């Protein structure tokens, strides 16, 4: 049964109101992406100098550190999964969760126990609904992370890595996040943050600079390596935030375009219904006039 003209107009107004909301959300996400990219760019000088300092200590000292020590037979691994706090971001969170599930399955097949940490209400809700264990979770900052929040999580992970096996310590920690490539491309990735693999910066054909570590190289590493881990984790959070906002903008743009097509379709149907109604009214008037003229004769 075809819809009435009133129903078509009401549906058209409803879709137009929804389109205004999705358009506004698209513009908000676009503006926040720029801010997220600016924040990530402003942190690059600090990141470069910190990487250079860590590489220098690792290159010109023979000190080993607990955060860089590989376990010969890892038996327990931790995974930090970064998802979104809100929806309307397309497949952003589902892609990260799917990547985390594949990683968990791979580690389990290798005979390791997997400890899961989670950020973002979407991932937390997904695991809780399926009664999957979560060691610890954080939420409320997925689209706008700060150093305080990322440092808190980093300290929790470092403490878990340094703990003894009998106290629940883990042999390695991996992060599942989404890297921002372009406005149209965001790629889920897995990165190991502990134990650290420090790339040494010495060049065989260059003169080696003279470094002096005060009070000693071990103390310098104790200060630098936790900073390095915190910095890397914050970088991953910034990438995830930019990816979430880009996914949200893309999803809202698609919703806005679909709403526009639906509005055009409803407008065309309403015009056809109105034309049919006018034609019917004219037919009834002509028929009534012909009946009156026949009666007069």
Protein backbone atom coordinates (compact mmCIF):
# COMPACT_ATOMS: atom_id res chain seq x y z
CA UNK A 1 0.00 0.00 0.00
CA UNK A 2 1.55 3.34 -1.05
CA UNK A 3 2.28 5.86 1.70
CA UNK A 4 0.03 8.87 2.02
CA UNK A 5 1.21 12.38 1.24
CA UNK A 6 1.21 13.28 4.94
CA UNK A 7 3.39 10.26 5.83
CA UNK A 8 5.87 11.10 3.10
CA UNK A 9 6.18 14.69 4.29
CA UNK A 10 6.66 13.61 7.91
CA UNK A 11 9.35 11.13 6.91
CA UNK A 12 11.04 13.81 4.83
CA UNK A 13 11.13 16.23 7.77
CA UNK A 14 12.49 13.47 10.03
CA UNK A 15 15.29 12.61 7.61
CA UNK A 16 16.15 16.30 7.19
CA UNK A 17 16.48 16.67 10.96
CA UNK A 18 18.74 13.61 11.10
CA UNK A 19 20.82 14.98 8.24
CA UNK A 20 21.45 18.20 10.16
CA UNK A 21 22.72 16.18 13.13
CA UNK A 22 25.04 13.98 11.05
CA UNK A 23 26.35 17.03 9.18
CA UNK A 24 27.11 18.80 12.45
CA UNK A 25 28.87 15.71 13.83
CA UNK A 26 30.90 15.47 10.63
CA UNK A 27 32.09 19.08 10.97
CA UNK A 28 32.93 18.64 14.66
CA UNK A 29 34.98 15.53 13.93
CA UNK A 30 36.82 17.31 11.10
CA UNK A 31 37.78 20.22 13.35
CA UNK A 32 38.95 17.90 16.14
CA UNK A 33 41.13 15.88 13.75
CA UNK A 34 43.12 19.03 13.01
CA UNK A 35 43.64 19.63 16.73
CA UNK A 36 44.74 16.02 17.27
CA UNK A 37 47.24 16.23 14.41
CA UNK A 38 48.59 19.54 15.74
CA UNK A 39 49.07 18.03 19.19
CA UNK A 40 50.93 15.05 17.72
CA UNK A 41 53.16 17.32 15.65
CA UNK A 42 53.98 19.54 18.63
CA UNK A 43 55.22 16.49 20.56
CA UNK A 44 57.61 15.36 17.82
CA UNK A 45 60.67 17.42 18.94
CA UNK A 46 60.49 15.93 22.44
CA UNK A 47 60.08 12.45 20.96
CA UNK A 48 63.10 12.85 18.67
CA UNK A 49 65.38 14.07 21.45
CA UNK A 50 64.21 11.32 23.79
CA UNK A 51 64.85 8.67 21.14
CA UNK A 52 68.30 10.13 20.51
CA UNK A 53 69.13 10.09 24.20
CA UNK A 54 68.00 6.48 24.64
CA UNK A 55 69.95 5.40 21.55
CA UNK A 56 73.06 7.18 22.84
CA UNK A 57 72.97 5.44 26.21
CA UNK A 58 72.32 2.07 24.58
CA UNK A 59 75.11 2.59 22.04
CA UNK A 60 77.89 3.83 24.27
CA UNK A 61 77.37 1.82 27.42
CA UNK A 62 77.37 -1.88 28.14
CA UNK A 63 74.67 -1.69 30.81
CA UNK A 64 71.67 -4.02 30.51
CA UNK A 65 68.28 -2.99 31.84
CA UNK A 66 65.21 -4.94 32.95
CA UNK A 67 63.02 -3.12 30.41
CA UNK A 68 65.23 -4.28 27.52
CA UNK A 69 65.81 -7.87 28.64
CA UNK A 70 64.23 -10.53 26.44
CA UNK A 71 62.74 -13.52 28.24
CA UNK A 72 64.11 -16.76 26.69
CA UNK A 73 60.83 -18.67 27.07
CA UNK A 74 57.90 -16.23 27.40
CA UNK A 75 54.89 -17.82 29.04
CA UNK A 76 52.63 -14.85 29.80
CA UNK A 77 51.86 -11.87 27.55
CA UNK A 78 49.79 -8.74 28.10
CA UNK A 79 47.77 -6.95 25.43
CA UNK A 80 46.54 -3.36 25.62
CA UNK A 81 43.59 -2.83 23.26
CA UNK A 82 42.65 0.75 22.31
CA UNK A 83 38.99 1.18 21.29
CA UNK A 84 36.55 4.10 21.21
CA UNK A 85 34.32 5.39 23.98
CA UNK A 86 31.47 6.26 21.62
CA UNK A 87 29.92 4.79 18.53
CA UNK A 88 29.05 6.34 15.17
CA UNK A 89 32.64 5.76 14.00
CA UNK A 90 32.03 3.02 11.46
CA UNK A 91 34.13 -0.14 11.86
CA UNK A 92 36.84 1.59 13.93
CA UNK A 93 36.40 -0.32 17.20
CA UNK A 94 35.39 -3.60 15.56
CA UNK A 95 38.58 -3.63 13.47
CA UNK A 96 40.74 -3.16 16.56
CA UNK A 97 38.84 -5.85 18.49
CA UNK A 98 39.18 -8.25 15.57
CA UNK A 99 42.93 -7.63 15.44
CA UNK A 100 43.19 -8.18 19.20
CA UNK A 101 41.29 -11.47 18.96
CA UNK A 102 43.64 -12.73 16.25
CA UNK A 103 46.66 -11.77 18.34
CA UNK A 104 45.19 -13.45 21.41
CA UNK A 105 44.56 -16.62 19.45
CA UNK A 106 48.11 -16.60 18.07
CA UNK A 107 49.66 -16.17 21.52
CA UNK A 108 47.39 -18.85 22.97
CA UNK A 109 48.41 -21.28 20.24
CA UNK A 110 52.03 -20.63 21.23
CA UNK A 111 51.21 -21.77 24.75
CA UNK A 112 51.15 -18.37 26.41
CA UNK A 113 48.73 -17.00 28.94
CA UNK A 114 47.19 -13.75 27.73
CA UNK A 115 46.36 -10.85 30.05
CA UNK A 116 44.08 -8.24 28.48
CA UNK A 117 44.01 -4.52 29.27
CA UNK A 118 41.34 -2.40 27.61
CA UNK A 119 40.69 1.27 26.91
CA UNK A 120 37.41 2.59 25.52
CA UNK A 121 33.82 1.70 26.42
CA UNK A 122 33.21 -0.10 23.13
CA UNK A 123 35.89 -2.70 23.78
CA UNK A 124 34.97 -2.99 27.46
CA UNK A 125 31.32 -3.60 26.60
CA UNK A 126 32.24 -6.14 23.93
CA UNK A 127 34.36 -8.21 26.33
CA UNK A 128 31.96 -7.93 29.26
CA UNK A 129 28.99 -9.01 27.14
CA UNK A 130 30.89 -12.17 26.17
CA UNK A 131 32.20 -12.76 29.72
CA UNK A 132 35.82 -12.40 28.64
CA UNK A 133 38.31 -11.47 31.36
CA UNK A 134 39.76 -7.95 31.47
CA UNK A 135 42.65 -7.35 33.84
CA UNK A 136 42.07 -3.59 34.00
CA UNK A 137 40.22 -1.04 31.91
CA UNK A 138 40.12 2.71 31.38
CA UNK A 139 37.51 4.84 29.60
CA UNK A 140 36.44 8.41 28.92
CA UNK A 141 39.37 9.82 26.93
CA UNK A 142 39.64 7.85 23.67
CA UNK A 143 39.12 10.89 21.41
CA UNK A 144 41.18 13.31 23.51
CA UNK A 145 43.97 11.54 25.45
CA UNK A 146 46.26 13.45 27.80
CA UNK A 147 49.72 12.73 29.14
CA UNK A 148 48.33 12.11 32.61
CA UNK A 149 46.05 9.31 31.43
CA UNK A 150 48.61 7.66 29.17
CA UNK A 151 51.30 7.91 31.89
CA UNK A 152 48.99 6.19 34.38
CA UNK A 153 48.44 3.29 31.99
CA UNK A 154 52.15 3.14 31.11
CA UNK A 155 53.13 2.96 34.79
CA UNK A 156 50.62 0.14 35.31
CA UNK A 157 52.08 -1.84 32.40
CA UNK A 158 55.70 -1.22 33.42
CA UNK A 159 54.98 -2.41 36.96
CA UNK A 160 53.33 -5.54 35.59
CA UNK A 161 56.31 -6.23 33.32
CA UNK A 162 58.84 -5.80 36.14
CA UNK A 163 56.88 -8.02 38.57
CA UNK A 164 57.99 -11.59 39.22
CA UNK A 165 56.23 -14.44 37.47
CA UNK A 166 54.85 -15.72 40.76
CA UNK A 167 53.30 -12.29 41.37
CA UNK A 168 51.59 -12.24 37.98
CA UNK A 169 54.35 -10.56 35.99
CA UNK A 170 54.29 -10.73 32.20
CA UNK A 171 57.13 -11.45 29.78
CA UNK A 172 56.05 -9.03 27.07
CA UNK A 173 53.44 -6.33 26.45
CA UNK A 174 51.87 -5.56 23.08
CA UNK A 175 49.57 -2.74 22.03
CA UNK A 176 46.73 -3.00 19.52
CA UNK A 177 45.84 0.44 18.18
CA UNK A 178 44.84 2.16 14.95
CA UNK A 179 47.46 4.17 13.07
CA UNK A 180 46.34 7.29 11.24
CA UNK A 181 47.61 7.11 7.67
CA UNK A 182 45.34 9.56 5.83
CA UNK A 183 41.87 10.97 6.23
CA UNK A 184 40.56 7.98 4.28
CA UNK A 185 42.88 5.26 5.60
CA UNK A 186 43.31 4.10 9.19
CA UNK A 187 45.10 0.80 9.77
CA UNK A 188 44.89 -1.40 12.90
CA UNK A 189 48.37 -2.36 14.08
CA UNK A 190 50.14 -4.39 16.73
CA UNK A 191 53.28 -3.02 18.37
CA UNK A 192 55.38 -4.46 21.17
CA UNK A 193 56.37 -1.88 23.77
CA UNK A 194 58.04 -4.16 26.33
CA UNK A 195 60.69 -5.46 26.36
CA UNK A 196 62.17 -2.54 24.47
CA UNK A 197 64.22 -3.04 21.35
CA UNK A 198 66.54 -0.06 21.23
CA UNK A 199 68.18 0.66 17.88
CA UNK A 200 71.75 1.69 18.44
CA UNK A 201 72.92 4.83 16.73
CA UNK A 202 76.61 4.22 16.16
CA UNK A 203 77.93 4.55 12.62
CA UNK A 204 81.00 2.45 11.71
CA UNK A 205 82.55 5.10 9.46
CA UNK A 206 82.07 8.05 11.80
CA UNK A 207 84.05 9.13 14.80
CA UNK A 208 82.35 8.09 18.02
CA UNK A 209 81.48 11.00 20.30
CA UNK A 210 82.62 10.91 23.86
CA UNK A 211 79.78 10.47 26.36
CA UNK A 212 79.97 10.74 30.12
CA UNK A 213 77.00 9.47 32.12
CA UNK A 214 76.38 11.03 35.52
CA UNK A 215 76.11 9.49 38.01
CA UNK A 216 76.30 6.34 35.83
CA UNK A 217 74.72 4.76 32.75
CA UNK A 218 72.41 2.50 34.78
CA UNK A 219 70.86 5.48 36.58
CA UNK A 220 70.40 7.32 33.29
CA UNK A 221 68.63 4.30 31.81
CA UNK A 222 66.42 4.03 34.88
CA UNK A 223 65.24 7.58 34.18
CA UNK A 224 65.08 7.48 30.38
CA UNK A 225 63.50 4.11 29.58
CA UNK A 226 60.24 4.64 31.54
CA UNK A 227 59.97 8.05 29.85
CA UNK A 228 60.49 6.35 26.51
CA UNK A 229 57.71 3.82 27.19
CA UNK A 230 55.31 6.58 28.32
CA UNK A 231 56.10 8.61 25.23
CA UNK A 232 55.52 5.70 22.86
CA UNK A 233 52.24 4.83 24.54
CA UNK A 234 51.03 8.42 24.35
CA UNK A 235 51.96 8.47 20.66
CA UNK A 236 49.80 5.39 20.09
CA UNK A 237 46.92 7.04 21.95
CA UNK A 238 47.25 10.16 19.78
CA UNK A 239 47.24 8.03 16.63
CA UNK A 240 44.18 6.13 17.86
CA UNK A 241 42.35 9.39 18.68
CA UNK A 242 43.03 10.84 15.22
CA UNK A 243 41.93 7.57 13.61
CA UNK A 244 38.71 7.50 15.64
CA UNK A 245 37.83 11.05 14.64
CA UNK A 246 38.64 10.36 10.98
CA UNK A 247 36.46 7.23 11.05
CA UNK A 248 33.67 9.22 12.67
CA UNK A 249 33.90 11.96 10.06
CA UNK A 250 33.84 9.40 7.26
CA UNK A 251 30.85 7.59 8.78
CA UNK A 252 28.93 10.83 9.34
CA UNK A 253 29.66 12.02 5.80
CA UNK A 254 28.32 8.73 4.46
CA UNK A 255 25.21 9.09 6.65
CA UNK A 256 24.72 12.67 5.45
CA UNK A 257 25.01 11.63 1.79
CA UNK A 258 22.59 8.73 2.31
CA UNK A 259 20.14 11.08 4.02
CA UNK A 260 20.34 13.45 1.05
CA UNK A 261 19.52 10.62 -1.35
CA UNK A 262 16.62 9.54 0.85
CA UNK A 263 15.33 13.13 1.00
CA UNK A 264 15.40 13.38 -2.80
CA UNK A 265 13.61 10.05 -3.10
CA UNK A 266 10.94 11.04 -0.57
CA UNK A 267 10.50 14.43 -2.24
CA UNK A 268 9.95 12.74 -5.60
CA UNK A 269 7.43 10.33 -4.07
CA UNK A 270 5.63 13.21 -2.35
CA UNK A 271 5.45 15.15 -5.62
CA UNK A 272 4.03 12.09 -7.37
CA UNK A 273 1.49 11.57 -4.60
CA UNK A 274 0.51 15.25 -4.73
CA UNK A 275 0.17 15.12 -8.51
CA UNK A 276 -1.99 12.00 -8.24
CA UNK A 277 -4.15 13.72 -5.63
CA UNK A 278 -4.59 16.79 -7.85
CA UNK A 279 -5.42 14.61 -10.84
CA UNK A 280 -7.99 12.72 -8.80
CA UNK A 281 -9.57 15.99 -7.57
CA UNK A 282 -9.76 17.33 -11.13
CA UNK A 283 -11.32 14.08 -12.32
CA UNK A 284 -13.90 14.24 -9.56
CA UNK A 285 -14.73 17.87 -10.39
CA UNK A 286 -15.09 17.11 -14.11
CA UNK A 287 -17.20 14.07 -13.32
CA UNK A 288 -19.44 16.07 -11.01
CA UNK A 289 -19.84 18.82 -13.58
CA UNK A 290 -20.78 16.31 -16.26
CA UNK A 291 -23.35 14.72 -13.97
CA UNK A 292 -24.89 18.12 -13.20
CA UNK A 293 -25.11 19.06 -16.87
CA UNK A 294 -26.74 15.70 -17.68
CA UNK A 295 -29.37 16.23 -15.00
CA UNK A 296 -30.20 19.69 -16.33
CA UNK A 297 -30.80 18.28 -19.80
